[in-house]
Amino acid sequence: MQYIKLPLIFCLFFLFSPFLLAQTDSFEIMKSCAALNLDLVDYHIHLRGGMTAEKALDRWMKTGIRSGVLENFGRDWPLCNNEKLREFIDHAEKVDFQNGTKELLIGIQVNDRDWFKVIDLKQYRRLDYILADTMIMGTDSKGNPEKLWLLPKEYSVDAELWMQRYMEHNLQILDEPIDILANPTYLPAFVAEKYDILWTEARMRQIIQKAIDHNIALEIQAESEFPKPRFVELALEMGAKLSFGTNNFDDHLKNCSSWKKNIQLFNIQNGNLWKTSF
């Protein structure tokens, strides 16, 4: 009887506590980042795939790295209108103020290039930050937004002409009233092998300078190959601010080794970090 009961207890424990038990190595890596005496914030925690504001708050308590939660704002995304946006902020604030103090940071990821024209200014002012990436550009043959990460590696383009268009896209986004550029210098699979050719120093400098001019943070993202070390080095030399994010798909913590690697490689200090006015 005792032999049967013990495994049953463990089965139930693992069944109902996957968020607490899984990802031990990832938690240890994140905690080691917190031990570097930097005011680190994970600004890129999506409330999706089982991730909740409650879990984000719990993660901060466990790792020592502050949490910023967001959802995608735009047509055909979870926050597809201002009422959905208001509900999202209301819920995050309700969770946040249960302890009587402001703990969680609340943001959105914007996916439509006219987002700042349709967002309710009252809700906009309640947000701590706005994040964007460059991974949706133009429209496909059906008139739908072109999600670059879905295009096959065999997708045929003139790489240089495509890159010229992509640079315009990057610069347009950096002219929007955003705070964080996620996954900077991202390239889709069909041109990724030409990174060193397409991302010339002149182009990197143009992106970095635009970010500096508008006080936009350049993100170092967990488990992403972008940006490459040369871009981070150049950004720091030019005086840009950096941010860190995980960009989760569920409630499991991603491996943050890239955070620690960049922090140690470039001796990143608090003065190099972007901070929202919370």
Protein backbone atom coordinates (compact mmCIF):
# COMPACT_ATOMS: atom_id res chain seq x y z
CA MET A 1 0.00 0.00 0.00
CA GLN A 2 2.81 2.39 0.89
CA TYR A 3 4.54 1.52 -2.43
CA ILE A 4 1.45 2.64 -4.37
CA LYS A 5 0.80 5.79 -2.38
CA LEU A 6 4.24 7.36 -2.81
CA PRO A 7 4.25 7.43 -6.63
CA LEU A 8 0.66 8.67 -6.61
CA ILE A 9 1.64 11.65 -4.49
CA PHE A 10 4.50 12.47 -6.80
CA CYS A 11 2.29 12.08 -9.87
CA LEU A 12 -0.25 14.52 -8.48
CA PHE A 13 2.51 16.93 -7.49
CA PHE A 14 3.98 16.97 -10.97
CA LEU A 15 0.54 17.14 -12.57
CA PHE A 16 -0.64 20.21 -10.71
CA SER A 17 2.67 22.06 -10.21
CA PRO A 18 4.49 21.98 -13.56
CA PHE A 19 5.25 25.70 -13.42
CA LEU A 20 7.00 25.34 -10.06
CA LEU A 21 8.91 22.15 -10.78
CA ALA A 22 10.01 22.38 -14.37
CA GLN A 23 12.82 24.51 -15.80
CA THR A 24 15.11 24.23 -12.76
CA ASP A 25 18.19 24.96 -14.85
CA SER A 26 16.56 28.01 -16.45
CA PHE A 27 15.56 29.35 -13.05
CA GLU A 28 19.12 28.92 -11.80
CA ILE A 29 20.50 30.77 -14.84
CA MET A 30 18.04 33.64 -14.30
CA LYS A 31 18.90 33.77 -10.60
CA SER A 32 22.59 33.90 -11.51
CA CYS A 33 21.82 36.93 -13.71
CA ALA A 34 20.08 38.56 -10.74
CA ALA A 35 23.21 37.94 -8.68
CA LEU A 36 25.22 40.21 -11.02
CA ASN A 37 23.90 43.23 -9.07
CA LEU A 38 22.05 44.79 -11.99
CA ASP A 39 18.53 46.21 -11.92
CA LEU A 40 17.31 43.67 -14.46
CA VAL A 41 13.72 43.53 -15.69
CA ASP A 42 12.19 40.94 -18.00
CA TYR A 43 10.02 43.25 -20.10
CA HIS A 44 8.89 40.51 -22.49
CA ILE A 45 6.57 38.13 -20.61
CA HIS A 46 3.51 37.29 -22.69
CA LEU A 47 0.33 36.23 -20.92
CA ARG A 48 -0.28 33.18 -23.09
CA GLY A 49 0.11 29.42 -23.06
CA GLY A 50 -0.75 29.22 -19.37
CA MET A 51 1.36 32.19 -18.31
CA THR A 52 -0.53 34.56 -16.03
CA ALA A 53 0.12 37.82 -14.23
CA GLU A 54 0.12 35.85 -10.98
CA LYS A 55 2.85 33.54 -12.25
CA ALA A 56 4.89 36.47 -13.54
CA LEU A 57 4.76 38.06 -10.09
CA ASP A 58 5.71 34.73 -8.52
CA ARG A 59 8.65 34.40 -10.93
CA TRP A 60 10.00 37.76 -9.81
CA MET A 61 9.82 36.64 -6.18
CA LYS A 62 11.68 33.41 -7.04
CA THR A 63 14.38 34.81 -9.32
CA GLY A 64 14.93 38.37 -8.15
CA ILE A 65 14.35 39.76 -11.65
CA ARG A 66 11.37 42.08 -12.00
CA SER A 67 8.58 41.09 -14.38
CA GLY A 68 6.91 43.08 -17.12
CA VAL A 69 3.79 41.49 -18.60
CA LEU A 70 2.24 42.20 -21.96
CA GLU A 71 -0.11 41.01 -24.66
CA ASN A 72 -0.21 41.71 -28.39
CA PHE A 73 -2.27 44.74 -29.40
CA GLY A 74 -3.58 44.86 -32.96
CA ARG A 75 -6.05 43.47 -35.43
CA ASP A 76 -6.44 39.69 -35.16
CA TRP A 77 -4.44 39.65 -31.92
CA PRO A 78 -5.61 39.05 -28.32
CA LEU A 79 -5.97 42.79 -27.66
CA CYS A 80 -7.87 43.52 -30.87
CA ASN A 81 -9.62 46.66 -29.59
CA ASN A 82 -9.49 49.20 -26.79
CA GLU A 83 -12.02 47.37 -24.65
CA LYS A 84 -9.81 44.25 -24.66
CA LEU A 85 -6.86 46.48 -23.81
CA ARG A 86 -8.71 48.01 -20.86
CA GLU A 87 -9.67 44.54 -19.54
CA PHE A 88 -6.06 43.37 -19.80
CA ILE A 89 -4.73 46.37 -17.87
CA ASP A 90 -7.51 46.12 -15.27
CA HIS A 91 -6.69 42.48 -14.56
CA ALA A 92 -2.92 43.01 -14.40
CA GLU A 93 -3.38 45.96 -12.04
CA LYS A 94 -5.76 43.95 -9.86
CA VAL A 95 -3.16 41.22 -9.46
CA ASP A 96 -0.44 43.80 -8.99
CA PHE A 97 -2.07 45.80 -6.21
CA GLN A 98 -3.07 42.82 -4.08
CA ASN A 99 0.06 43.46 -2.03
CA GLY A 100 -0.70 47.16 -1.79
CA THR A 101 2.28 48.23 -3.90
CA LYS A 102 3.09 48.44 -7.59
CA GLU A 103 5.18 45.40 -8.48
CA LEU A 104 4.39 44.29 -12.03
CA LEU A 105 5.15 46.43 -15.03
CA ILE A 106 2.43 46.42 -17.68
CA GLY A 107 3.01 46.84 -21.39
CA ILE A 108 1.81 45.82 -24.83
CA GLN A 109 3.46 44.55 -27.98
CA VAL A 110 2.20 46.47 -30.97
CA ASN A 111 1.72 44.61 -34.26
CA ASP A 112 -0.02 47.10 -36.57
CA ARG A 113 1.87 50.10 -37.82
CA ASP A 114 -1.06 52.42 -37.20
CA TRP A 115 -1.49 51.30 -33.58
CA PHE A 116 -0.78 54.77 -32.17
CA LYS A 117 -3.65 56.19 -34.21
CA VAL A 118 -6.27 53.77 -32.85
CA ILE A 119 -5.22 53.25 -29.24
CA ASP A 120 -7.33 54.91 -26.55
CA LEU A 121 -5.11 57.59 -25.00
CA LYS A 122 -6.56 56.93 -21.55
CA GLN A 123 -5.45 53.29 -21.72
CA TYR A 124 -2.14 54.25 -23.35
CA ARG A 125 -1.27 56.43 -20.37
CA ARG A 126 -1.87 53.51 -18.00
CA LEU A 127 0.87 51.46 -19.66
CA ASP A 128 4.45 51.37 -18.42
CA TYR A 129 5.98 50.63 -21.82
CA ILE A 130 5.36 49.76 -25.48
CA LEU A 131 7.34 47.00 -27.20
CA ALA A 132 7.59 46.25 -30.92
CA ASP A 133 9.58 44.00 -33.21
CA THR A 134 10.19 44.00 -36.96
CA MET A 135 8.99 40.47 -37.72
CA ILE A 136 5.79 41.46 -39.57
CA MET A 137 6.41 43.45 -42.74
CA GLY A 138 3.97 44.42 -45.46
CA THR A 139 1.27 42.07 -46.73
CA ASP A 140 1.16 38.73 -48.52
CA SER A 141 -0.62 37.88 -51.78
CA LYS A 142 -3.94 37.69 -49.91
CA GLY A 143 -3.53 41.09 -48.30
CA ASN A 144 -2.75 39.66 -44.86
CA PRO A 145 0.18 40.90 -42.75
CA GLU A 146 3.36 39.09 -43.83
CA LYS A 147 4.77 37.17 -40.83
CA LEU A 148 8.42 36.80 -41.75
CA TRP A 149 9.11 33.89 -39.42
CA LEU A 150 6.56 31.75 -41.29
CA LEU A 151 8.23 32.12 -44.68
CA PRO A 152 10.25 29.06 -45.72
CA LYS A 153 14.03 29.02 -45.96
CA GLU A 154 13.62 28.45 -49.70
CA TYR A 155 11.69 31.71 -50.15
CA SER A 156 13.33 33.47 -53.08
CA VAL A 157 14.26 37.16 -52.95
CA ASP A 158 16.98 39.49 -54.12
CA ALA A 159 18.60 39.74 -50.68
CA GLU A 160 19.99 43.25 -51.08
CA LEU A 161 16.76 44.73 -52.44
CA TRP A 162 14.80 42.97 -49.71
CA MET A 163 17.20 44.34 -47.08
CA GLN A 164 16.74 47.89 -48.33
CA ARG A 165 13.01 47.51 -47.87
CA TYR A 166 13.53 45.87 -44.48
CA MET A 167 15.70 48.77 -43.31
CA GLU A 168 12.92 51.20 -44.17
CA HIS A 169 10.57 48.99 -42.16
CA ASN A 170 12.93 49.02 -39.15
CA LEU A 171 13.34 52.79 -39.27
CA GLN A 172 9.59 53.30 -39.56
CA ILE A 173 9.01 51.30 -36.39
CA LEU A 174 11.72 53.24 -34.57
CA ASP A 175 9.85 56.44 -35.46
CA GLU A 176 6.75 55.16 -33.65
CA PRO A 177 6.27 56.07 -29.96
CA ILE A 178 7.65 52.75 -28.70
CA ASP A 179 10.03 52.09 -25.80
CA ILE A 180 11.64 48.74 -26.67
CA LEU A 181 12.73 47.24 -29.98
CA ALA A 182 12.61 43.49 -29.47
CA ASN A 183 14.95 41.08 -31.24
CA PRO A 184 16.90 43.82 -33.08
CA THR A 185 18.66 42.86 -36.34
CA TYR A 186 16.35 39.87 -36.71
CA LEU A 187 16.51 38.19 -40.10
CA PRO A 188 14.10 35.51 -41.36
CA ALA A 189 15.40 32.09 -42.35
CA PHE A 190 15.59 32.85 -46.08
CA VAL A 191 18.28 35.53 -45.59
CA ALA A 192 19.66 34.72 -42.12
CA GLU A 193 22.83 33.14 -43.51
CA LYS A 194 23.73 36.50 -45.05
CA TYR A 195 23.60 38.36 -41.75
CA ASP A 196 27.18 39.68 -41.91
CA ILE A 197 26.67 40.86 -45.48
CA LEU A 198 23.26 42.46 -45.02
CA TRP A 199 23.79 43.97 -41.60
CA THR A 200 26.65 46.28 -42.50
CA GLU A 201 28.14 48.51 -39.84
CA ALA A 202 26.53 51.50 -41.50
CA ARG A 203 23.10 49.90 -41.23
CA MET A 204 23.66 48.87 -37.63
CA ARG A 205 24.75 52.40 -36.76
CA GLN A 206 21.65 53.82 -38.40
CA ILE A 207 19.37 51.58 -36.30
CA ILE A 208 21.28 52.28 -33.10
CA GLN A 209 21.35 56.04 -33.62
CA LYS A 210 17.62 56.13 -34.30
CA ALA A 211 17.04 54.18 -31.07
CA ILE A 212 19.24 56.62 -29.15
CA ASP A 213 17.45 59.63 -30.64
CA HIS A 214 14.08 58.32 -29.44
CA ASN A 215 15.27 56.74 -26.15
CA ILE A 216 14.29 53.26 -27.35
CA ALA A 217 15.85 50.21 -25.70
CA LEU A 218 17.46 47.49 -27.79
CA GLU A 219 16.51 44.09 -26.44
CA ILE A 220 18.68 41.07 -25.68
CA GLN A 221 16.25 38.17 -25.91
CA ALA A 222 16.50 34.71 -24.38
CA GLU A 223 17.21 31.90 -26.85
CA SER A 224 17.48 34.27 -29.80
CA GLU A 225 20.50 34.44 -32.08
CA PHE A 226 19.79 38.15 -32.58
CA PRO A 227 21.39 40.57 -32.14
CA LYS A 228 24.92 39.37 -32.85
CA PRO A 229 27.76 40.44 -30.52
CA ARG A 230 29.05 43.13 -32.89
CA PHE A 231 25.70 44.93 -32.75
CA VAL A 232 25.63 44.87 -28.94
CA GLU A 233 29.22 46.10 -28.80
CA LEU A 234 28.47 48.92 -31.21
CA ALA A 235 25.26 49.85 -29.37
CA LEU A 236 27.16 50.21 -26.11
CA GLU A 237 29.95 52.19 -27.75
CA MET A 238 27.39 54.61 -29.20
CA GLY A 239 25.55 54.99 -25.88
CA ALA A 240 22.34 53.08 -26.58
CA LYS A 241 20.28 51.58 -23.77
CA LEU A 242 19.61 47.84 -23.55
CA SER A 243 16.73 45.80 -22.18
CA PHE A 244 16.23 42.10 -21.54
CA GLY A 245 13.31 39.83 -22.37
CA THR A 246 12.32 36.18 -22.52
CA ASN A 247 9.47 36.25 -25.09
CA ASN A 248 7.82 33.13 -23.72
CA PHE A 249 5.36 30.86 -25.51
CA ASP A 250 3.96 29.25 -22.34
CA ASP A 251 4.53 29.37 -18.58
CA HIS A 252 7.94 27.71 -18.75
CA LEU A 253 10.96 29.94 -18.36
CA LYS A 254 13.25 30.09 -21.38
CA ASN A 255 17.01 29.72 -21.11
CA CYS A 256 18.53 33.12 -20.35
CA SER A 257 22.15 32.20 -21.02
CA SER A 258 22.33 34.89 -23.70
CA TRP A 259 21.57 37.50 -21.04
CA LYS A 260 24.45 36.40 -18.84
CA LYS A 261 26.81 35.95 -21.79
CA ASN A 262 26.26 39.52 -23.02
CA ILE A 263 26.37 41.04 -19.54
CA GLN A 264 29.72 39.44 -18.83
CA LEU A 265 31.20 39.81 -22.32
CA PHE A 266 30.50 43.55 -22.51
CA ASN A 267 30.60 44.37 -18.78
CA ILE A 268 27.06 45.76 -18.92
CA GLN A 269 26.27 48.08 -16.02
CA ASN A 270 23.10 49.68 -14.68
CA GLY A 271 23.89 52.81 -16.66
CA ASN A 272 23.55 50.78 -19.87
CA LEU A 273 20.02 49.62 -19.02
CA TRP A 274 16.82 51.26 -20.19
CA LYS A 275 14.35 52.04 -17.43
CA THR A 276 10.69 52.87 -17.66
CA SER A 277 9.44 55.74 -15.51
CA PHE A 278 7.65 53.50 -13.00
